[in-house]
């Protein structure tokens, strides 16, 4: 189905841009769709920060916690490909005393992104991270492992919606819907190039950031409901009218 969709869009795109509207009786419709899928992945983002007058001390602290974090993740059988760390960021920090800028030292920061591919392990992983006291904040976001498949499913639904709308309008006038003249993900009646962006989106709710502290505990058996991810698509189709 995906190959057929790609072929249809490829064959019609050249016609659509060269001559988007035919010099024959036709109907131009917009089709849209939104589908819901259960997310199967989560990205967990941790920020490791340390401040000290001696930048070397701050760096050593972040490096130490980074190693601790990676060892904790390895103990949870999180694969290396699912752990991404940024380079260290070092910035000066200041206090303001009587209107004057007074150096307070340096802040060293590293971000770590963890991909969790088995959401049933969420509680256990969060508990391990909190027990390790590695980071003050943990942000999470849900996603699907293959956004293209989900996006294409929404696109097919949008095409079906366009056909249904066109058929209803044409038949209300005692006519019949003819062949497809063009299919596009772009608004054919607008020539501005900044509108030439496919109208597709895969989005969902992000779990709120969690303040991780010594007195905060989550049982690994606590239920976790990931909710849904929504995929949206929009197409513009020109049909001939019989």
C-alpha atoms as a PDB file:
ATOM      1  CA  UNK A   1       0.000   0.000   0.000  1.00  0.00           C
ATOM      2  CA  UNK A   2       2.838   2.385   0.859  1.00  0.00           C
ATOM      3  CA  UNK A   3       4.559   1.672  -2.476  1.00  0.00           C
ATOM      4  CA  UNK A   4       1.302   2.356  -4.320  1.00  0.00           C
ATOM      5  CA  UNK A   5       0.825   5.603  -2.435  1.00  0.00           C
ATOM      6  CA  UNK A   6       4.358   6.735  -3.212  1.00  0.00           C
ATOM      7  CA  UNK A   7       3.875   5.893  -6.895  1.00  0.00           C
ATOM      8  CA  UNK A   8       0.593   7.795  -7.099  1.00  0.00           C
ATOM      9  CA  UNK A   9       2.091  10.875  -5.472  1.00  0.00           C
ATOM     10  CA  UNK A  10       5.154  10.701  -7.719  1.00  0.00           C
ATOM     11  CA  UNK A  11       3.163  10.371 -10.925  1.00  0.00           C
ATOM     12  CA  UNK A  12       0.776  13.155 -10.042  1.00  0.00           C
ATOM     13  CA  UNK A  13       3.196  15.651  -8.512  1.00  0.00           C
ATOM     14  CA  UNK A  14       4.642  16.822 -11.839  1.00  0.00           C
ATOM     15  CA  UNK A  15       1.177  17.385 -13.263  1.00  0.00           C
ATOM     16  CA  UNK A  16       0.041  19.096 -10.094  1.00  0.00           C
ATOM     17  CA  UNK A  17       2.747  21.751 -10.182  1.00  0.00           C
ATOM     18  CA  UNK A  18       2.784  22.240 -13.963  1.00  0.00           C
ATOM     19  CA  UNK A  19      -0.987  22.541 -14.270  1.00  0.00           C
ATOM     20  CA  UNK A  20      -2.674  22.046 -10.893  1.00  0.00           C
ATOM     21  CA  UNK A  21      -6.224  22.710 -12.082  1.00  0.00           C
ATOM     22  CA  UNK A  22      -7.521  21.158 -15.323  1.00  0.00           C
ATOM     23  CA  UNK A  23      -9.424  23.024 -18.040  1.00  0.00           C
ATOM     24  CA  UNK A  24     -12.315  20.581 -17.573  1.00  0.00           C
ATOM     25  CA  UNK A  25     -15.138  20.247 -15.062  1.00  0.00           C
ATOM     26  CA  UNK A  26     -13.431  19.305 -11.832  1.00  0.00           C
ATOM     27  CA  UNK A  27     -13.645  19.464  -8.076  1.00  0.00           C
ATOM     28  CA  UNK A  28     -10.825  20.424  -5.771  1.00  0.00           C
ATOM     29  CA  UNK A  29     -11.045  19.006  -2.246  1.00  0.00           C
ATOM     30  CA  UNK A  30      -9.009  18.846   0.898  1.00  0.00           C
ATOM     31  CA  UNK A  31      -8.835  15.592   2.814  1.00  0.00           C
ATOM     32  CA  UNK A  32      -7.644  15.301   6.372  1.00  0.00           C
ATOM     33  CA  UNK A  33      -7.297  12.589   8.961  1.00  0.00           C
ATOM     34  CA  UNK A  34      -6.084  11.986  12.462  1.00  0.00           C
ATOM     35  CA  UNK A  35      -5.363   8.544  13.858  1.00  0.00           C
ATOM     36  CA  UNK A  36      -4.371   7.376  17.311  1.00  0.00           C
ATOM     37  CA  UNK A  37      -1.704   4.802  18.107  1.00  0.00           C
ATOM     38  CA  UNK A  38      -0.237   3.522  21.338  1.00  0.00           C
ATOM     39  CA  UNK A  39       3.339   4.801  21.858  1.00  0.00           C
ATOM     40  CA  UNK A  40       5.975   2.112  22.168  1.00  0.00           C
ATOM     41  CA  UNK A  41       9.050   4.177  23.020  1.00  0.00           C
ATOM     42  CA  UNK A  42      10.044   6.782  25.549  1.00  0.00           C
ATOM     43  CA  UNK A  43      12.930   9.229  25.563  1.00  0.00           C
ATOM     44  CA  UNK A  44      14.188  10.082  29.033  1.00  0.00           C
ATOM     45  CA  UNK A  45      16.348  13.198  29.271  1.00  0.00           C
ATOM     46  CA  UNK A  46      18.565  13.907  32.256  1.00  0.00           C
ATOM     47  CA  UNK A  47      20.640  16.993  32.903  1.00  0.00           C
ATOM     48  CA  UNK A  48      23.870  16.597  34.862  1.00  0.00           C
ATOM     49  CA  UNK A  49      25.015  19.929  36.288  1.00  0.00           C
ATOM     50  CA  UNK A  50      27.741  21.015  38.684  1.00  0.00           C
ATOM     51  CA  UNK A  51      29.015  24.435  39.777  1.00  0.00           C
ATOM     52  CA  UNK A  52      32.352  25.249  41.386  1.00  0.00           C
ATOM     53  CA  UNK A  53      34.915  28.015  41.475  1.00  0.00           C
ATOM     54  CA  UNK A  54      37.334  25.447  40.086  1.00  0.00           C
ATOM     55  CA  UNK A  55      36.060  24.323  36.682  1.00  0.00           C
ATOM     56  CA  UNK A  56      38.126  21.154  36.989  1.00  0.00           C
ATOM     57  CA  UNK A  57      36.264  20.155  40.146  1.00  0.00           C
ATOM     58  CA  UNK A  58      32.886  20.780  38.486  1.00  0.00           C
ATOM     59  CA  UNK A  59      33.928  18.773  35.436  1.00  0.00           C
ATOM     60  CA  UNK A  60      35.155  15.885  37.572  1.00  0.00           C
ATOM     61  CA  UNK A  61      31.808  15.807  39.402  1.00  0.00           C
ATOM     62  CA  UNK A  62      29.812  15.658  36.154  1.00  0.00           C
ATOM     63  CA  UNK A  63      32.160  13.024  34.720  1.00  0.00           C
ATOM     64  CA  UNK A  64      31.807  10.906  37.863  1.00  0.00           C
ATOM     65  CA  UNK A  65      28.002  11.067  37.756  1.00  0.00           C
ATOM     66  CA  UNK A  66      28.044  10.340  34.020  1.00  0.00           C
ATOM     67  CA  UNK A  67      29.980   7.121  34.638  1.00  0.00           C
ATOM     68  CA  UNK A  68      27.626   6.229  37.490  1.00  0.00           C
ATOM     69  CA  UNK A  69      24.636   6.814  35.223  1.00  0.00           C
ATOM     70  CA  UNK A  70      26.005   4.686  32.392  1.00  0.00           C
ATOM     71  CA  UNK A  71      26.824   1.869  34.807  1.00  0.00           C
ATOM     72  CA  UNK A  72      23.306   2.081  36.236  1.00  0.00           C
ATOM     73  CA  UNK A  73      21.818   1.874  32.746  1.00  0.00           C
ATOM     74  CA  UNK A  74      24.033  -1.057  31.810  1.00  0.00           C
ATOM     75  CA  UNK A  75      22.847  -2.851  34.940  1.00  0.00           C
ATOM     76  CA  UNK A  76      19.305  -2.302  33.638  1.00  0.00           C
ATOM     77  CA  UNK A  77      20.335  -3.896  30.305  1.00  0.00           C
ATOM     78  CA  UNK A  78      19.914  -0.610  28.426  1.00  0.00           C
ATOM     79  CA  UNK A  79      21.927  -0.945  25.218  1.00  0.00           C
ATOM     80  CA  UNK A  80      24.697   1.503  24.321  1.00  0.00           C
ATOM     81  CA  UNK A  81      22.816   2.548  21.156  1.00  0.00           C
ATOM     82  CA  UNK A  82      19.996   3.801  23.388  1.00  0.00           C
ATOM     83  CA  UNK A  83      22.238   6.129  25.399  1.00  0.00           C
ATOM     84  CA  UNK A  84      23.261   9.474  23.882  1.00  0.00           C
ATOM     85  CA  UNK A  85      25.378  12.033  25.712  1.00  0.00           C
ATOM     86  CA  UNK A  86      26.277  15.545  24.675  1.00  0.00           C
ATOM     87  CA  UNK A  87      29.685  17.137  24.982  1.00  0.00           C
ATOM     88  CA  UNK A  88      30.331  19.061  28.184  1.00  0.00           C
ATOM     89  CA  UNK A  89      29.079  22.632  28.206  1.00  0.00           C
ATOM     90  CA  UNK A  90      31.024  25.051  30.392  1.00  0.00           C
ATOM     91  CA  UNK A  91      29.666  28.512  31.182  1.00  0.00           C
ATOM     92  CA  UNK A  92      30.747  31.140  33.719  1.00  0.00           C
ATOM     93  CA  UNK A  93      28.242  32.014  36.447  1.00  0.00           C
ATOM     94  CA  UNK A  94      27.990  35.277  38.339  1.00  0.00           C
ATOM     95  CA  UNK A  95      26.333  36.842  41.332  1.00  0.00           C
ATOM     96  CA  UNK A  96      25.331  40.491  41.457  1.00  0.00           C
ATOM     97  CA  UNK A  97      26.419  42.304  44.582  1.00  0.00           C
ATOM     98  CA  UNK A  98      25.478  45.967  44.930  1.00  0.00           C
ATOM     99  CA  UNK A  99      24.969  46.161  41.190  1.00  0.00           C
ATOM    100  CA  UNK A 100      28.333  44.644  40.403  1.00  0.00           C
ATOM    101  CA  UNK A 101      28.991  41.355  38.630  1.00  0.00           C
ATOM    102  CA  UNK A 102      30.927  38.997  40.879  1.00  0.00           C
ATOM    103  CA  UNK A 103      32.243  35.680  39.505  1.00  0.00           C
ATOM    104  CA  UNK A 104      30.716  32.672  41.245  1.00  0.00           C
ATOM    105  CA  UNK A 105      32.614  30.041  39.324  1.00  0.00           C
ATOM    106  CA  UNK A 106      31.775  27.831  36.382  1.00  0.00           C
ATOM    107  CA  UNK A 107      28.804  25.650  35.551  1.00  0.00           C
ATOM    108  CA  UNK A 108      29.458  22.351  33.781  1.00  0.00           C
ATOM    109  CA  UNK A 109      26.510  20.638  32.112  1.00  0.00           C
ATOM    110  CA  UNK A 110      25.954  17.439  30.168  1.00  0.00           C
ATOM    111  CA  UNK A 111      22.685  16.129  28.748  1.00  0.00           C
ATOM    112  CA  UNK A 112      21.946  12.429  28.545  1.00  0.00           C
ATOM    113  CA  UNK A 113      19.115  11.009  26.436  1.00  0.00           C
ATOM    114  CA  UNK A 114      17.945   7.460  27.102  1.00  0.00           C
ATOM    115  CA  UNK A 115      15.640   5.565  24.755  1.00  0.00           C
ATOM    116  CA  UNK A 116      13.418   3.068  26.545  1.00  0.00           C
ATOM    117  CA  UNK A 117      12.003   0.534  24.095  1.00  0.00           C
ATOM    118  CA  UNK A 118      10.055  -1.517  26.632  1.00  0.00           C
ATOM    119  CA  UNK A 119       7.609   0.766  28.440  1.00  0.00           C
ATOM    120  CA  UNK A 120       6.803  -1.931  30.989  1.00  0.00           C
ATOM    121  CA  UNK A 121      10.252  -1.239  32.441  1.00  0.00           C
ATOM    122  CA  UNK A 122       9.514   2.457  32.996  1.00  0.00           C
ATOM    123  CA  UNK A 123       8.839   2.177  36.726  1.00  0.00           C
ATOM    124  CA  UNK A 124      11.932   0.092  37.419  1.00  0.00           C
ATOM    125  CA  UNK A 125      14.168   2.403  35.388  1.00  0.00           C
ATOM    126  CA  UNK A 126      12.849   5.559  37.048  1.00  0.00           C
ATOM    127  CA  UNK A 127      13.323   3.967  40.452  1.00  0.00           C
ATOM    128  CA  UNK A 128      16.915   3.057  39.601  1.00  0.00           C
ATOM    129  CA  UNK A 129      17.628   6.606  38.397  1.00  0.00           C
ATOM    130  CA  UNK A 130      16.147   8.132  41.535  1.00  0.00           C
ATOM    131  CA  UNK A 131      17.995   5.737  43.819  1.00  0.00           C
ATOM    132  CA  UNK A 132      21.249   6.630  42.070  1.00  0.00           C
ATOM    133  CA  UNK A 133      20.654  10.365  42.783  1.00  0.00           C
ATOM    134  CA  UNK A 134      22.357  11.262  39.531  1.00  0.00           C
ATOM    135  CA  UNK A 135      20.243  14.190  38.338  1.00  0.00           C
ATOM    136  CA  UNK A 136      17.861  16.745  39.815  1.00  0.00           C
ATOM    137  CA  UNK A 137      15.423  16.595  36.909  1.00  0.00           C
ATOM    138  CA  UNK A 138      14.142  13.941  34.571  1.00  0.00           C
ATOM    139  CA  UNK A 139      12.063  14.838  31.506  1.00  0.00           C
ATOM    140  CA  UNK A 140      10.260  12.219  29.460  1.00  0.00           C
ATOM    141  CA  UNK A 141       8.544  12.160  26.077  1.00  0.00           C
ATOM    142  CA  UNK A 142       6.639   9.368  24.350  1.00  0.00           C
ATOM    143  CA  UNK A 143       6.930   8.378  20.693  1.00  0.00           C
ATOM    144  CA  UNK A 144       6.405   5.574  18.205  1.00  0.00           C
ATOM    145  CA  UNK A 145       9.319   3.572  16.856  1.00  0.00           C
ATOM    146  CA  UNK A 146       8.287   3.903  13.208  1.00  0.00           C
ATOM    147  CA  UNK A 147       6.745   7.320  12.629  1.00  0.00           C
ATOM    148  CA  UNK A 148       6.791   6.841   8.844  1.00  0.00           C
ATOM    149  CA  UNK A 149       4.419   3.876   9.001  1.00  0.00           C
ATOM    150  CA  UNK A 150       2.027   5.784  11.247  1.00  0.00           C
ATOM    151  CA  UNK A 151       2.308   8.926   9.116  1.00  0.00           C
ATOM    152  CA  UNK A 152       1.571   6.963   5.931  1.00  0.00           C
ATOM    153  CA  UNK A 153      -1.474   5.389   7.567  1.00  0.00           C
ATOM    154  CA  UNK A 154      -2.805   8.855   8.344  1.00  0.00           C
ATOM    155  CA  UNK A 155      -2.069   9.926   4.762  1.00  0.00           C
ATOM    156  CA  UNK A 156      -4.111   7.036   3.344  1.00  0.00           C
ATOM    157  CA  UNK A 157      -6.995   7.978   5.647  1.00  0.00           C
ATOM    158  CA  UNK A 158      -6.732  11.579   4.425  1.00  0.00           C
ATOM    159  CA  UNK A 159      -6.995  10.374   0.812  1.00  0.00           C
ATOM    160  CA  UNK A 160     -10.081   8.352   1.712  1.00  0.00           C
ATOM    161  CA  UNK A 161     -11.564  11.440   3.356  1.00  0.00           C
ATOM    162  CA  UNK A 162     -10.878  13.536   0.247  1.00  0.00           C
ATOM    163  CA  UNK A 163     -12.594  10.957  -1.968  1.00  0.00           C
ATOM    164  CA  UNK A 164     -15.609  10.766   0.343  1.00  0.00           C
ATOM    165  CA  UNK A 165     -16.007  14.553   0.417  1.00  0.00           C
ATOM    166  CA  UNK A 166     -15.633  14.910  -3.331  1.00  0.00           C
ATOM    167  CA  UNK A 167     -18.120  12.125  -4.072  1.00  0.00           C
ATOM    168  CA  UNK A 168     -20.718  13.578  -1.700  1.00  0.00           C
ATOM    169  CA  UNK A 169     -20.465  17.057  -3.218  1.00  0.00           C
ATOM    170  CA  UNK A 170     -20.533  15.895  -6.834  1.00  0.00           C
ATOM    171  CA  UNK A 171     -23.393  13.450  -6.338  1.00  0.00           C
ATOM    172  CA  UNK A 172     -25.444  16.154  -4.599  1.00  0.00           C
ATOM    173  CA  UNK A 173     -25.421  17.933  -7.965  1.00  0.00           C
ATOM    174  CA  UNK A 174     -26.488  14.881  -9.933  1.00  0.00           C
ATOM    175  CA  UNK A 175     -23.025  14.258 -11.359  1.00  0.00           C
ATOM    176  CA  UNK A 176     -20.477  11.467 -10.931  1.00  0.00           C
ATOM    177  CA  UNK A 177     -16.938  11.594  -9.700  1.00  0.00           C
ATOM    178  CA  UNK A 178     -14.346  10.954 -12.401  1.00  0.00           C
ATOM    179  CA  UNK A 179     -10.661  10.095 -12.365  1.00  0.00           C
ATOM    180  CA  UNK A 180      -8.060  11.670 -10.136  1.00  0.00           C
ATOM    181  CA  UNK A 181      -6.306  14.552 -11.889  1.00  0.00           C
ATOM    182  CA  UNK A 182      -3.754  15.286  -9.162  1.00  0.00           C
ATOM    183  CA  UNK A 183      -2.869  14.483  -5.581  1.00  0.00           C
ATOM    184  CA  UNK A 184      -0.618  16.674  -3.488  1.00  0.00           C
ATOM    185  CA  UNK A 185       0.317  17.357   0.099  1.00  0.00           C
ATOM    186  CA  UNK A 186       0.669  21.021  -0.855  1.00  0.00           C
ATOM    187  CA  UNK A 187      -1.990  23.682  -1.214  1.00  0.00           C
ATOM    188  CA  UNK A 188      -2.226  23.844  -5.015  1.00  0.00           C
ATOM    189  CA  UNK A 189      -3.927  27.227  -5.086  1.00  0.00           C
ATOM    190  CA  UNK A 190      -1.069  28.936  -3.274  1.00  0.00           C
ATOM    191  CA  UNK A 191       2.111  29.780  -5.132  1.00  0.00           C
ATOM    192  CA  UNK A 192       4.188  30.983  -2.182  1.00  0.00           C
ATOM    193  CA  UNK A 193       7.079  28.579  -1.724  1.00  0.00           C
ATOM    194  CA  UNK A 194       6.875  28.720   2.063  1.00  0.00           C
ATOM    195  CA  UNK A 195       3.549  26.883   1.872  1.00  0.00           C
ATOM    196  CA  UNK A 196       5.200  23.920   0.150  1.00  0.00           C
ATOM    197  CA  UNK A 197       5.556  21.883   3.315  1.00  0.00           C
ATOM    198  CA  UNK A 198       3.836  18.506   3.745  1.00  0.00           C
ATOM    199  CA  UNK A 199       1.091  18.815   6.335  1.00  0.00           C
ATOM    200  CA  UNK A 200       1.900  15.767   8.424  1.00  0.00           C
ATOM    201  CA  UNK A 201       2.459  15.539  12.133  1.00  0.00           C
ATOM    202  CA  UNK A 202       2.964  12.850  14.726  1.00  0.00           C
ATOM    203  CA  UNK A 203       2.537  14.158  18.232  1.00  0.00           C
ATOM    204  CA  UNK A 204       1.571  13.125  21.725  1.00  0.00           C
ATOM    205  CA  UNK A 205       1.584  14.141  25.332  1.00  0.00           C
ATOM    206  CA  UNK A 206       4.951  14.446  27.032  1.00  0.00           C
ATOM    207  CA  UNK A 207       5.164  13.332  30.588  1.00  0.00           C
ATOM    208  CA  UNK A 208       5.840  16.272  32.864  1.00  0.00           C
ATOM    209  CA  UNK A 209       9.329  16.803  34.227  1.00  0.00           C
ATOM    210  CA  UNK A 210       9.854  15.024  37.526  1.00  0.00           C
ATOM    211  CA  UNK A 211      11.753  16.566  40.405  1.00  0.00           C
ATOM    212  CA  UNK A 212      13.955  13.758  41.618  1.00  0.00           C
ATOM    213  CA  UNK A 213      14.833  13.950  45.290  1.00  0.00           C
ATOM    214  CA  UNK A 214      15.829  11.643  48.103  1.00  0.00           C
ATOM    215  CA  UNK A 215      12.298  11.467  49.531  1.00  0.00           C
ATOM    216  CA  UNK A 216      10.633  10.753  46.165  1.00  0.00           C
ATOM    217  CA  UNK A 217      10.030   7.078  45.520  1.00  0.00           C
ATOM    218  CA  UNK A 218       8.227   5.158  42.798  1.00  0.00           C
ATOM    219  CA  UNK A 219       7.467   1.484  43.098  1.00  0.00           C
ATOM    220  CA  UNK A 220       8.456  -0.480  40.007  1.00  0.00           C
ATOM    221  CA  UNK A 221       5.032  -2.152  40.141  1.00  0.00           C
ATOM    222  CA  UNK A 222       3.127   1.142  39.865  1.00  0.00           C
ATOM    223  CA  UNK A 223       0.876   1.229  36.783  1.00  0.00           C
ATOM    224  CA  UNK A 224       1.993   3.386  33.904  1.00  0.00           C
ATOM    225  CA  UNK A 225      -0.422   4.342  31.145  1.00  0.00           C
ATOM    226  CA  UNK A 226       1.351   5.837  28.109  1.00  0.00           C
ATOM    227  CA  UNK A 227      -1.824   7.249  26.542  1.00  0.00           C
ATOM    228  CA  UNK A 228      -1.892   7.717  22.776  1.00  0.00           C
ATOM    229  CA  UNK A 229       0.123   9.342  20.009  1.00  0.00           C
ATOM    230  CA  UNK A 230      -1.827  11.176  17.309  1.00  0.00           C
ATOM    231  CA  UNK A 231      -0.803  11.293  13.675  1.00  0.00           C
ATOM    232  CA  UNK A 232      -2.306  13.936  11.391  1.00  0.00           C
ATOM    233  CA  UNK A 233      -2.170  14.304   7.627  1.00  0.00           C
ATOM    234  CA  UNK A 234      -3.723  16.547   4.996  1.00  0.00           C
ATOM    235  CA  UNK A 235      -3.914  16.153   1.217  1.00  0.00           C
ATOM    236  CA  UNK A 236      -5.310  18.160  -1.684  1.00  0.00           C
ATOM    237  CA  UNK A 237      -6.924  16.231  -4.516  1.00  0.00           C
ATOM    238  CA  UNK A 238      -8.371  17.316  -7.862  1.00  0.00           C
ATOM    239  CA  UNK A 239     -10.975  14.993  -9.386  1.00  0.00           C
ATOM    240  CA  UNK A 240     -12.526  15.274 -12.808  1.00  0.00           C
ATOM    241  CA  UNK A 241     -16.311  15.372 -12.942  1.00  0.00           C
ATOM    242  CA  UNK A 242     -18.286  13.165 -15.314  1.00  0.00           C
END
